[in-house]
Amino acid sequence: MTEPTPYSSVPQQPYGAPVGAPAARWNTLAIISLVASVIGIHLAGIITGHIALSQIKKTGEQGNILAIIGLILGYLGIVVVVILVIVWFGLIFGAATAGYNY
């Protein structure tokens, strides 16, 4: 009677790529949100950021931080634009009424 070798019951792994979990996909709208907010299209960054966060919750994709940064930059950009418009109108109004005595 022959005894089995200690490795006869263990199947051999074929050589090649290691087996593992596939890399999680990046959410495209999260990337678009960040890029749009950085280049100055703040409203598009805000809209795509909110949609991306919703999709990430459902699908488990990566990009949560990108969407949040896109939202923050988008909201900050809108606040800065509103402040600049108010200051600009104040300067225009102040210059227009500078010659009048009340």
PDB file of N, CA and C in Angstrom:
ATOM      1  N   MET A   1       0.834  -1.175   0.000  1.00  0.00           N
ATOM      2  CA  MET A   1       0.000   0.000   0.000  1.00  0.00           C
ATOM      3  C   MET A   1       0.883   1.244   0.000  1.00  0.00           C
ATOM      4  N   THR A   2       0.592   2.136  -0.880  1.00  0.00           N
ATOM      5  CA  THR A   2       1.347   3.378  -0.961  1.00  0.00           C
ATOM      6  C   THR A   2       0.627   4.485  -0.219  1.00  0.00           C
ATOM      7  N   GLU A   3       1.408   5.272   0.441  1.00  0.00           N
ATOM      8  CA  GLU A   3       0.818   6.405   1.163  1.00  0.00           C
ATOM      9  C   GLU A   3       0.771   7.629   0.252  1.00  0.00           C
ATOM     10  N   PRO A   4      -0.288   8.423   0.387  1.00  0.00           N
ATOM     11  CA  PRO A   4      -0.349   9.624  -0.460  1.00  0.00           C
ATOM     12  C   PRO A   4       0.682  10.643   0.007  1.00  0.00           C
ATOM     13  N   THR A   5       1.162  11.389  -0.947  1.00  0.00           N
ATOM     14  CA  THR A   5       2.114  12.445  -0.589  1.00  0.00           C
ATOM     15  C   THR A   5       1.358  13.557   0.123  1.00  0.00           C
ATOM     16  N   PRO A   6       2.045  14.333   0.947  1.00  0.00           N
ATOM     17  CA  PRO A   6       1.325  15.358   1.706  1.00  0.00           C
ATOM     18  C   PRO A   6       0.690  16.433   0.830  1.00  0.00           C
ATOM     19  N   TYR A   7       1.142  16.576  -0.402  1.00  0.00           N
ATOM     20  CA  TYR A   7       0.621  17.644  -1.257  1.00  0.00           C
ATOM     21  C   TYR A   7      -0.393  17.151  -2.281  1.00  0.00           C
ATOM     22  N   SER A   8      -0.728  15.893  -2.240  1.00  0.00           N
ATOM     23  CA  SER A   8      -1.609  15.356  -3.269  1.00  0.00           C
ATOM     24  C   SER A   8      -3.048  15.852  -3.121  1.00  0.00           C
ATOM     25  N   SER A   9      -3.486  16.209  -1.932  1.00  0.00           N
ATOM     26  CA  SER A   9      -4.868  16.654  -1.745  1.00  0.00           C
ATOM     27  C   SER A   9      -5.035  18.161  -1.908  1.00  0.00           C
ATOM     28  N   VAL A  10      -3.940  18.893  -2.037  1.00  0.00           N
ATOM     29  CA  VAL A  10      -4.011  20.340  -2.187  1.00  0.00           C
ATOM     30  C   VAL A  10      -3.938  20.685  -3.670  1.00  0.00           C
ATOM     31  N   PRO A  11      -4.970  21.324  -4.210  1.00  0.00           N
ATOM     32  CA  PRO A  11      -4.889  21.667  -5.634  1.00  0.00           C
ATOM     33  C   PRO A  11      -3.869  22.769  -5.874  1.00  0.00           C
ATOM     34  N   GLN A  12      -3.209  22.654  -6.980  1.00  0.00           N
ATOM     35  CA  GLN A  12      -2.201  23.648  -7.337  1.00  0.00           C
ATOM     36  C   GLN A  12      -2.868  24.887  -7.936  1.00  0.00           C
ATOM     37  N   GLN A  13      -2.378  26.058  -7.536  1.00  0.00           N
ATOM     38  CA  GLN A  13      -2.857  27.307  -8.110  1.00  0.00           C
ATOM     39  C   GLN A  13      -2.114  27.566  -9.414  1.00  0.00           C
ATOM     40  N   PRO A  14      -2.839  27.926 -10.455  1.00  0.00           N
ATOM     41  CA  PRO A  14      -2.123  28.242 -11.701  1.00  0.00           C
ATOM     42  C   PRO A  14      -1.377  29.561 -11.559  1.00  0.00           C
ATOM     43  N   TYR A  15      -0.277  29.644 -12.271  1.00  0.00           N
ATOM     44  CA  TYR A  15       0.492  30.877 -12.226  1.00  0.00           C
ATOM     45  C   TYR A  15      -0.245  31.953 -13.010  1.00  0.00           C
ATOM     46  N   GLY A  16      -0.099  33.191 -12.586  1.00  0.00           N
ATOM     47  CA  GLY A  16      -0.754  34.294 -13.286  1.00  0.00           C
ATOM     48  C   GLY A  16      -1.097  35.389 -12.299  1.00  0.00           C
ATOM     49  N   ALA A  17      -2.099  36.105 -12.622  1.00  0.00           N
ATOM     50  CA  ALA A  17      -2.518  37.217 -11.771  1.00  0.00           C
ATOM     51  C   ALA A  17      -3.076  36.683 -10.455  1.00  0.00           C
ATOM     52  N   PRO A  18      -2.750  37.345  -9.363  1.00  0.00           N
ATOM     53  CA  PRO A  18      -3.298  36.892  -8.082  1.00  0.00           C
ATOM     54  C   PRO A  18      -4.808  37.095  -8.040  1.00  0.00           C
ATOM     55  N   VAL A  19      -5.451  36.172  -7.368  1.00  0.00           N
ATOM     56  CA  VAL A  19      -6.900  36.239  -7.255  1.00  0.00           C
ATOM     57  C   VAL A  19      -7.240  37.157  -6.090  1.00  0.00           C
ATOM     58  N   GLY A  20      -8.142  38.093  -6.322  1.00  0.00           N
ATOM     59  CA  GLY A  20      -8.543  39.007  -5.263  1.00  0.00           C
ATOM     60  C   GLY A  20      -9.780  39.764  -5.690  1.00  0.00           C
ATOM     61  N   ALA A  21     -10.182  40.644  -4.838  1.00  0.00           N
ATOM     62  CA  ALA A  21     -11.358  41.450  -5.141  1.00  0.00           C
ATOM     63  C   ALA A  21     -11.011  42.472  -6.222  1.00  0.00           C
ATOM     64  N   PRO A  22     -11.914  42.692  -7.157  1.00  0.00           N
ATOM     65  CA  PRO A  22     -11.633  43.712  -8.175  1.00  0.00           C
ATOM     66  C   PRO A  22     -11.649  45.104  -7.544  1.00  0.00           C
ATOM     67  N   ALA A  23     -10.882  45.991  -8.136  1.00  0.00           N
ATOM     68  CA  ALA A  23     -10.822  47.361  -7.619  1.00  0.00           C
ATOM     69  C   ALA A  23     -12.177  48.033  -7.790  1.00  0.00           C
ATOM     70  N   ALA A  24     -12.569  48.787  -6.772  1.00  0.00           N
ATOM     71  CA  ALA A  24     -13.838  49.495  -6.842  1.00  0.00           C
ATOM     72  C   ALA A  24     -13.754  50.583  -7.905  1.00  0.00           C
ATOM     73  N   ARG A  25     -14.855  50.801  -8.582  1.00  0.00           N
ATOM     74  CA  ARG A  25     -14.900  51.815  -9.636  1.00  0.00           C
ATOM     75  C   ARG A  25     -15.065  53.195  -9.034  1.00  0.00           C
ATOM     76  N   TRP A  26     -14.599  54.196  -9.766  1.00  0.00           N
ATOM     77  CA  TRP A  26     -14.753  55.589  -9.358  1.00  0.00           C
ATOM     78  C   TRP A  26     -16.029  56.127  -9.969  1.00  0.00           C
ATOM     79  N   ASN A  27     -16.765  56.889  -9.200  1.00  0.00           N
ATOM     80  CA  ASN A  27     -17.984  57.510  -9.703  1.00  0.00           C
ATOM     81  C   ASN A  27     -17.611  58.681 -10.602  1.00  0.00           C
ATOM     82  N   THR A  28     -18.093  58.645 -11.818  1.00  0.00           N
ATOM     83  CA  THR A  28     -17.744  59.662 -12.810  1.00  0.00           C
ATOM     84  C   THR A  28     -18.279  61.033 -12.415  1.00  0.00           C
ATOM     85  N   LEU A  29     -19.479  61.087 -11.869  1.00  0.00           N
ATOM     86  CA  LEU A  29     -20.049  62.381 -11.502  1.00  0.00           C
ATOM     87  C   LEU A  29     -19.298  63.031 -10.345  1.00  0.00           C
ATOM     88  N   ALA A  30     -18.684  62.241  -9.484  1.00  0.00           N
ATOM     89  CA  ALA A  30     -17.869  62.812  -8.410  1.00  0.00           C
ATOM     90  C   ALA A  30     -16.650  63.512  -8.992  1.00  0.00           C
ATOM     91  N   ILE A  31     -16.042  62.899  -9.989  1.00  0.00           N
ATOM     92  CA  ILE A  31     -14.888  63.519 -10.652  1.00  0.00           C
ATOM     93  C   ILE A  31     -15.318  64.778 -11.382  1.00  0.00           C
ATOM     94  N   ILE A  32     -16.462  64.710 -12.081  1.00  0.00           N
ATOM     95  CA  ILE A  32     -16.976  65.883 -12.793  1.00  0.00           C
ATOM     96  C   ILE A  32     -17.297  67.003 -11.818  1.00  0.00           C
ATOM     97  N   SER A  33     -17.842  66.670 -10.652  1.00  0.00           N
ATOM     98  CA  SER A  33     -18.160  67.676  -9.643  1.00  0.00           C
ATOM     99  C   SER A  33     -16.911  68.422  -9.198  1.00  0.00           C
ATOM    100  N   LEU A  34     -15.856  67.686  -8.918  1.00  0.00           N
ATOM    101  CA  LEU A  34     -14.611  68.309  -8.480  1.00  0.00           C
ATOM    102  C   LEU A  34     -14.017  69.182  -9.581  1.00  0.00           C
ATOM    103  N   VAL A  35     -13.957  68.661 -10.789  1.00  0.00           N
ATOM    104  CA  VAL A  35     -13.371  69.416 -11.898  1.00  0.00           C
ATOM    105  C   VAL A  35     -14.185  70.669 -12.198  1.00  0.00           C
ATOM    106  N   ALA A  36     -15.511  70.539 -12.231  1.00  0.00           N
ATOM    107  CA  ALA A  36     -16.365  71.694 -12.534  1.00  0.00           C
ATOM    108  C   ALA A  36     -16.212  72.773 -11.475  1.00  0.00           C
ATOM    109  N   SER A  37     -16.133  72.386 -10.220  1.00  0.00           N
ATOM    110  CA  SER A  37     -15.987  73.376  -9.155  1.00  0.00           C
ATOM    111  C   SER A  37     -14.628  74.061  -9.206  1.00  0.00           C
ATOM    112  N   VAL A  38     -13.598  73.311  -9.558  1.00  0.00           N
ATOM    113  CA  VAL A  38     -12.254  73.889  -9.621  1.00  0.00           C
ATOM    114  C   VAL A  38     -12.138  74.881 -10.774  1.00  0.00           C
ATOM    115  N   ILE A  39     -12.738  74.562 -11.919  1.00  0.00           N
ATOM    116  CA  ILE A  39     -12.590  75.459 -13.064  1.00  0.00           C
ATOM    117  C   ILE A  39     -13.603  76.600 -13.055  1.00  0.00           C
ATOM    118  N   GLY A  40     -14.509  76.629 -12.091  1.00  0.00           N
ATOM    119  CA  GLY A  40     -15.385  77.777 -11.933  1.00  0.00           C
ATOM    120  C   GLY A  40     -16.823  77.596 -12.370  1.00  0.00           C
ATOM    121  N   ILE A  41     -17.208  76.387 -12.719  1.00  0.00           N
ATOM    122  CA  ILE A  41     -18.607  76.126 -13.066  1.00  0.00           C
ATOM    123  C   ILE A  41     -19.275  75.581 -11.803  1.00  0.00           C
ATOM    124  N   HIS A  42     -19.512  76.483 -10.862  1.00  0.00           N
ATOM    125  CA  HIS A  42     -19.904  76.089  -9.506  1.00  0.00           C
ATOM    126  C   HIS A  42     -21.257  75.384  -9.448  1.00  0.00           C
ATOM    127  N   LEU A  43     -22.232  75.880 -10.190  1.00  0.00           N
ATOM    128  CA  LEU A  43     -23.559  75.271 -10.138  1.00  0.00           C
ATOM    129  C   LEU A  43     -23.523  73.835 -10.650  1.00  0.00           C
ATOM    130  N   ALA A  44     -22.780  73.593 -11.718  1.00  0.00           N
ATOM    131  CA  ALA A  44     -22.643  72.228 -12.237  1.00  0.00           C
ATOM    132  C   ALA A  44     -21.928  71.336 -11.224  1.00  0.00           C
ATOM    133  N   GLY A  45     -20.941  71.893 -10.525  1.00  0.00           N
ATOM    134  CA  GLY A  45     -20.242  71.127  -9.499  1.00  0.00           C
ATOM    135  C   GLY A  45     -21.147  70.735  -8.349  1.00  0.00           C
ATOM    136  N   ILE A  46     -22.032  71.640  -7.968  1.00  0.00           N
ATOM    137  CA  ILE A  46     -22.967  71.352  -6.873  1.00  0.00           C
ATOM    138  C   ILE A  46     -23.977  70.287  -7.290  1.00  0.00           C
ATOM    139  N   ILE A  47     -24.538  70.451  -8.473  1.00  0.00           N
ATOM    140  CA  ILE A  47     -25.560  69.500  -8.940  1.00  0.00           C
ATOM    141  C   ILE A  47     -24.958  68.108  -9.106  1.00  0.00           C
ATOM    142  N   THR A  48     -23.828  68.016  -9.788  1.00  0.00           N
ATOM    143  CA  THR A  48     -23.227  66.702  -9.996  1.00  0.00           C
ATOM    144  C   THR A  48     -22.701  66.098  -8.691  1.00  0.00           C
ATOM    145  N   GLY A  49     -22.293  66.941  -7.749  1.00  0.00           N
ATOM    146  CA  GLY A  49     -21.840  66.434  -6.454  1.00  0.00           C
ATOM    147  C   GLY A  49     -22.953  65.767  -5.670  1.00  0.00           C
ATOM    148  N   HIS A  50     -24.122  66.392  -5.671  1.00  0.00           N
ATOM    149  CA  HIS A  50     -25.261  65.793  -4.963  1.00  0.00           C
ATOM    150  C   HIS A  50     -25.722  64.502  -5.637  1.00  0.00           C
ATOM    151  N   ILE A  51     -25.746  64.495  -6.951  1.00  0.00           N
ATOM    152  CA  ILE A  51     -26.133  63.271  -7.657  1.00  0.00           C
ATOM    153  C   ILE A  51     -25.103  62.175  -7.407  1.00  0.00           C
ATOM    154  N   ALA A  52     -23.820  62.536  -7.409  1.00  0.00           N
ATOM    155  CA  ALA A  52     -22.760  61.550  -7.171  1.00  0.00           C
ATOM    156  C   ALA A  52     -22.871  60.934  -5.784  1.00  0.00           C
ATOM    157  N   LEU A  53     -23.124  61.755  -4.777  1.00  0.00           N
ATOM    158  CA  LEU A  53     -23.268  61.205  -3.419  1.00  0.00           C
ATOM    159  C   LEU A  53     -24.430  60.221  -3.340  1.00  0.00           C
ATOM    160  N   SER A  54     -25.519  60.543  -4.022  1.00  0.00           N
ATOM    161  CA  SER A  54     -26.661  59.638  -4.038  1.00  0.00           C
ATOM    162  C   SER A  54     -26.306  58.320  -4.721  1.00  0.00           C
ATOM    163  N   GLN A  55     -25.612  58.398  -5.845  1.00  0.00           N
ATOM    164  CA  GLN A  55     -25.219  57.180  -6.560  1.00  0.00           C
ATOM    165  C   GLN A  55     -24.217  56.359  -5.755  1.00  0.00           C
ATOM    166  N   ILE A  56     -23.292  57.022  -5.075  1.00  0.00           N
ATOM    167  CA  ILE A  56     -22.275  56.314  -4.297  1.00  0.00           C
ATOM    168  C   ILE A  56     -22.912  55.536  -3.157  1.00  0.00           C
ATOM    169  N   LYS A  57     -23.946  56.102  -2.546  1.00  0.00           N
ATOM    170  CA  LYS A  57     -24.654  55.377  -1.478  1.00  0.00           C
ATOM    171  C   LYS A  57     -25.288  54.103  -2.008  1.00  0.00           C
ATOM    172  N   LYS A  58     -25.818  54.157  -3.232  1.00  0.00           N
ATOM    173  CA  LYS A  58     -26.506  52.999  -3.804  1.00  0.00           C
ATOM    174  C   LYS A  58     -25.544  51.955  -4.341  1.00  0.00           C
ATOM    175  N   THR A  59     -24.467  52.402  -5.006  1.00  0.00           N
ATOM    176  CA  THR A  59     -23.598  51.463  -5.713  1.00  0.00           C
ATOM    177  C   THR A  59     -22.339  51.076  -4.950  1.00  0.00           C
ATOM    178  N   GLY A  60     -21.926  51.884  -3.981  1.00  0.00           N
ATOM    179  CA  GLY A  60     -20.705  51.588  -3.243  1.00  0.00           C
ATOM    180  C   GLY A  60     -19.438  51.938  -3.994  1.00  0.00           C
ATOM    181  N   GLU A  61     -19.550  52.774  -5.013  1.00  0.00           N
ATOM    182  CA  GLU A  61     -18.373  53.179  -5.774  1.00  0.00           C
ATOM    183  C   GLU A  61     -17.481  54.083  -4.927  1.00  0.00           C
ATOM    184  N   GLN A  62     -16.271  54.304  -5.426  1.00  0.00           N
ATOM    185  CA  GLN A  62     -15.369  55.245  -4.783  1.00  0.00           C
ATOM    186  C   GLN A  62     -15.675  56.649  -5.281  1.00  0.00           C
ATOM    187  N   GLY A  63     -15.202  57.651  -4.539  1.00  0.00           N
ATOM    188  CA  GLY A  63     -15.363  59.028  -4.977  1.00  0.00           C
ATOM    189  C   GLY A  63     -16.150  59.884  -4.013  1.00  0.00           C
ATOM    190  N   ASN A  64     -16.442  59.349  -2.838  1.00  0.00           N
ATOM    191  CA  ASN A  64     -17.202  60.098  -1.841  1.00  0.00           C
ATOM    192  C   ASN A  64     -16.497  61.411  -1.491  1.00  0.00           C
ATOM    193  N   ILE A  65     -15.203  61.344  -1.245  1.00  0.00           N
ATOM    194  CA  ILE A  65     -14.438  62.540  -0.880  1.00  0.00           C
ATOM    195  C   ILE A  65     -14.389  63.525  -2.043  1.00  0.00           C
ATOM    196  N   LEU A  66     -14.245  63.022  -3.265  1.00  0.00           N
ATOM    197  CA  LEU A  66     -14.216  63.919  -4.420  1.00  0.00           C
ATOM    198  C   LEU A  66     -15.522  64.685  -4.554  1.00  0.00           C
ATOM    199  N   ALA A  67     -16.641  63.999  -4.344  1.00  0.00           N
ATOM    200  CA  ALA A  67     -17.941  64.655  -4.442  1.00  0.00           C
ATOM    201  C   ALA A  67     -18.110  65.700  -3.338  1.00  0.00           C
ATOM    202  N   ILE A  68     -17.658  65.383  -2.135  1.00  0.00           N
ATOM    203  CA  ILE A  68     -17.777  66.327  -1.024  1.00  0.00           C
ATOM    204  C   ILE A  68     -16.900  67.552  -1.269  1.00  0.00           C
ATOM    205  N   ILE A  69     -15.679  67.347  -1.746  1.00  0.00           N
ATOM    206  CA  ILE A  69     -14.805  68.488  -2.046  1.00  0.00           C
ATOM    207  C   ILE A  69     -15.401  69.321  -3.171  1.00  0.00           C
ATOM    208  N   GLY A  70     -15.975  68.671  -4.178  1.00  0.00           N
ATOM    209  CA  GLY A  70     -16.637  69.393  -5.257  1.00  0.00           C
ATOM    210  C   GLY A  70     -17.802  70.224  -4.755  1.00  0.00           C
ATOM    211  N   LEU A  71     -18.570  69.669  -3.819  1.00  0.00           N
ATOM    212  CA  LEU A  71     -19.686  70.421  -3.233  1.00  0.00           C
ATOM    213  C   LEU A  71     -19.189  71.621  -2.433  1.00  0.00           C
ATOM    214  N   ILE A  72     -18.181  71.408  -1.608  1.00  0.00           N
ATOM    215  CA  ILE A  72     -17.662  72.499  -0.780  1.00  0.00           C
ATOM    216  C   ILE A  72     -17.118  73.617  -1.664  1.00  0.00           C
ATOM    217  N   LEU A  73     -16.319  73.258  -2.668  1.00  0.00           N
ATOM    218  CA  LEU A  73     -15.765  74.278  -3.564  1.00  0.00           C
ATOM    219  C   LEU A  73     -16.865  74.972  -4.361  1.00  0.00           C
ATOM    220  N   GLY A  74     -17.878  74.214  -4.756  1.00  0.00           N
ATOM    221  CA  GLY A  74     -18.986  74.810  -5.502  1.00  0.00           C
ATOM    222  C   GLY A  74     -19.758  75.819  -4.664  1.00  0.00           C
ATOM    223  N   TYR A  75     -20.089  75.446  -3.427  1.00  0.00           N
ATOM    224  CA  TYR A  75     -20.821  76.371  -2.548  1.00  0.00           C
ATOM    225  C   TYR A  75     -19.961  77.580  -2.186  1.00  0.00           C
ATOM    226  N   LEU A  76     -18.678  77.352  -1.898  1.00  0.00           N
ATOM    227  CA  LEU A  76     -17.796  78.486  -1.598  1.00  0.00           C
ATOM    228  C   LEU A  76     -17.663  79.416  -2.802  1.00  0.00           C
ATOM    229  N   GLY A  77     -17.588  78.845  -3.985  1.00  0.00           N
ATOM    230  CA  GLY A  77     -17.497  79.652  -5.190  1.00  0.00           C
ATOM    231  C   GLY A  77     -18.723  80.518  -5.393  1.00  0.00           C
ATOM    232  N   ILE A  78     -19.894  79.960  -5.146  1.00  0.00           N
ATOM    233  CA  ILE A  78     -21.126  80.746  -5.286  1.00  0.00           C
ATOM    234  C   ILE A  78     -21.172  81.846  -4.244  1.00  0.00           C
ATOM    235  N   VAL A  79     -20.757  81.564  -3.020  1.00  0.00           N
ATOM    236  CA  VAL A  79     -20.741  82.590  -1.977  1.00  0.00           C
ATOM    237  C   VAL A  79     -19.789  83.727  -2.361  1.00  0.00           C
ATOM    238  N   VAL A  80     -18.624  83.381  -2.871  1.00  0.00           N
ATOM    239  CA  VAL A  80     -17.654  84.401  -3.279  1.00  0.00           C
ATOM    240  C   VAL A  80     -18.209  85.242  -4.419  1.00  0.00           C
ATOM    241  N   VAL A  81     -18.851  84.613  -5.384  1.00  0.00           N
ATOM    242  CA  VAL A  81     -19.424  85.355  -6.510  1.00  0.00           C
ATOM    243  C   VAL A  81     -20.519  86.302  -6.023  1.00  0.00           C
ATOM    244  N   VAL A  82     -21.380  85.844  -5.124  1.00  0.00           N
ATOM    245  CA  VAL A  82     -22.444  86.706  -4.597  1.00  0.00           C
ATOM    246  C   VAL A  82     -21.841  87.890  -3.849  1.00  0.00           C
ATOM    247  N   ILE A  83     -20.824  87.657  -3.029  1.00  0.00           N
ATOM    248  CA  ILE A  83     -20.179  88.759  -2.298  1.00  0.00           C
ATOM    249  C   ILE A  83     -19.535  89.743  -3.268  1.00  0.00           C
ATOM    250  N   LEU A  84     -18.870  89.245  -4.292  1.00  0.00           N
ATOM    251  CA  LEU A  84     -18.244  90.138  -5.276  1.00  0.00           C
ATOM    252  C   LEU A  84     -19.286  90.961  -6.038  1.00  0.00           C
ATOM    253  N   VAL A  85     -20.412  90.369  -6.353  1.00  0.00           N
ATOM    254  CA  VAL A  85     -21.471  91.111  -7.046  1.00  0.00           C
ATOM    255  C   VAL A  85     -22.032  92.196  -6.138  1.00  0.00           C
ATOM    256  N   ILE A  86     -22.232  91.892  -4.863  1.00  0.00           N
ATOM    257  CA  ILE A  86     -22.739  92.891  -3.922  1.00  0.00           C
ATOM    258  C   ILE A  86     -21.738  94.030  -3.773  1.00  0.00           C
ATOM    259  N   VAL A  87     -20.465  93.703  -3.644  1.00  0.00           N
ATOM    260  CA  VAL A  87     -19.432  94.742  -3.522  1.00  0.00           C
ATOM    261  C   VAL A  87     -19.368  95.568  -4.801  1.00  0.00           C
ATOM    262  N   TRP A  88     -19.448  94.923  -5.938  1.00  0.00           N
ATOM    263  CA  TRP A  88     -19.392  95.632  -7.219  1.00  0.00           C
ATOM    264  C   TRP A  88     -20.550  96.607  -7.352  1.00  0.00           C
ATOM    265  N   PHE A  89     -21.777  96.144  -7.029  1.00  0.00           N
ATOM    266  CA  PHE A  89     -22.926  97.056  -7.090  1.00  0.00           C
ATOM    267  C   PHE A  89     -22.789  98.179  -6.072  1.00  0.00           C
ATOM    268  N   GLY A  90     -22.229  97.878  -4.914  1.00  0.00           N
ATOM    269  CA  GLY A  90     -22.008  98.924  -3.912  1.00  0.00           C
ATOM    270  C   GLY A  90     -21.034  99.973  -4.409  1.00  0.00           C
ATOM    271  N   LEU A  91     -19.981  99.537  -5.053  1.00  0.00           N
ATOM    272  CA  LEU A  91     -19.018 100.494  -5.601  1.00  0.00           C
ATOM    273  C   LEU A  91     -19.630 101.320  -6.731  1.00  0.00           C
ATOM    274  N   ILE A  92     -20.382 100.683  -7.596  1.00  0.00           N
ATOM    275  CA  ILE A  92     -21.036 101.409  -8.689  1.00  0.00           C
ATOM    276  C   ILE A  92     -22.029 102.415  -8.126  1.00  0.00           C
ATOM    277  N   PHE A  93     -22.850 101.990  -7.175  1.00  0.00           N
ATOM    278  CA  PHE A  93     -23.832 102.885  -6.571  1.00  0.00           C
ATOM    279  C   PHE A  93     -23.142 104.009  -5.808  1.00  0.00           C
ATOM    280  N   GLY A  94     -22.079 103.688  -5.101  1.00  0.00           N
ATOM    281  CA  GLY A  94     -21.336 104.709  -4.359  1.00  0.00           C
ATOM    282  C   GLY A  94     -20.685 105.706  -5.278  1.00  0.00           C
ATOM    283  N   ALA A  95     -20.141 105.262  -6.384  1.00  0.00           N
ATOM    284  CA  ALA A  95     -19.521 106.172  -7.331  1.00  0.00           C
ATOM    285  C   ALA A  95     -20.563 107.028  -8.035  1.00  0.00           C
ATOM    286  N   ALA A  96     -21.733 106.473  -8.289  1.00  0.00           N
ATOM    287  CA  ALA A  96     -22.778 107.213  -8.991  1.00  0.00           C
ATOM    288  C   ALA A  96     -23.381 108.292  -8.104  1.00  0.00           C
ATOM    289  N   THR A  97     -23.431 108.045  -6.807  1.00  0.00           N
ATOM    290  CA  THR A  97     -24.045 109.030  -5.897  1.00  0.00           C
ATOM    291  C   THR A  97     -23.015 109.848  -5.148  1.00  0.00           C
ATOM    292  N   ALA A  98     -21.755 109.764  -5.507  1.00  0.00           N
ATOM    293  CA  ALA A  98     -20.709 110.485  -4.774  1.00  0.00           C
ATOM    294  C   ALA A  98     -20.830 111.990  -4.952  1.00  0.00           C
ATOM    295  N   GLY A  99     -21.338 112.429  -6.060  1.00  0.00           N
ATOM    296  CA  GLY A  99     -21.416 113.876  -6.317  1.00  0.00           C
ATOM    297  C   GLY A  99     -22.650 114.518  -5.727  1.00  0.00           C
ATOM    298  N   TYR A 100     -23.599 113.755  -5.233  1.00  0.00           N
ATOM    299  CA  TYR A 100     -24.839 114.323  -4.717  1.00  0.00           C
ATOM    300  C   TYR A 100     -24.737 114.589  -3.229  1.00  0.00           C
ATOM    301  N   ASN A 101     -25.269 115.714  -2.775  1.00  0.00           N
ATOM    302  CA  ASN A 101     -25.325 116.037  -1.343  1.00  0.00           C
ATOM    303  C   ASN A 101     -26.764 115.819  -0.887  1.00  0.00           C
ATOM    304  N   TYR A 102     -26.914 115.041   0.134  1.00  0.00           N
ATOM    305  CA  TYR A 102     -28.262 114.768   0.647  1.00  0.00           C
ATOM    306  C   TYR A 102     -28.574 115.662   1.774  1.00  0.00           C
TER     307      TYR A 102
END
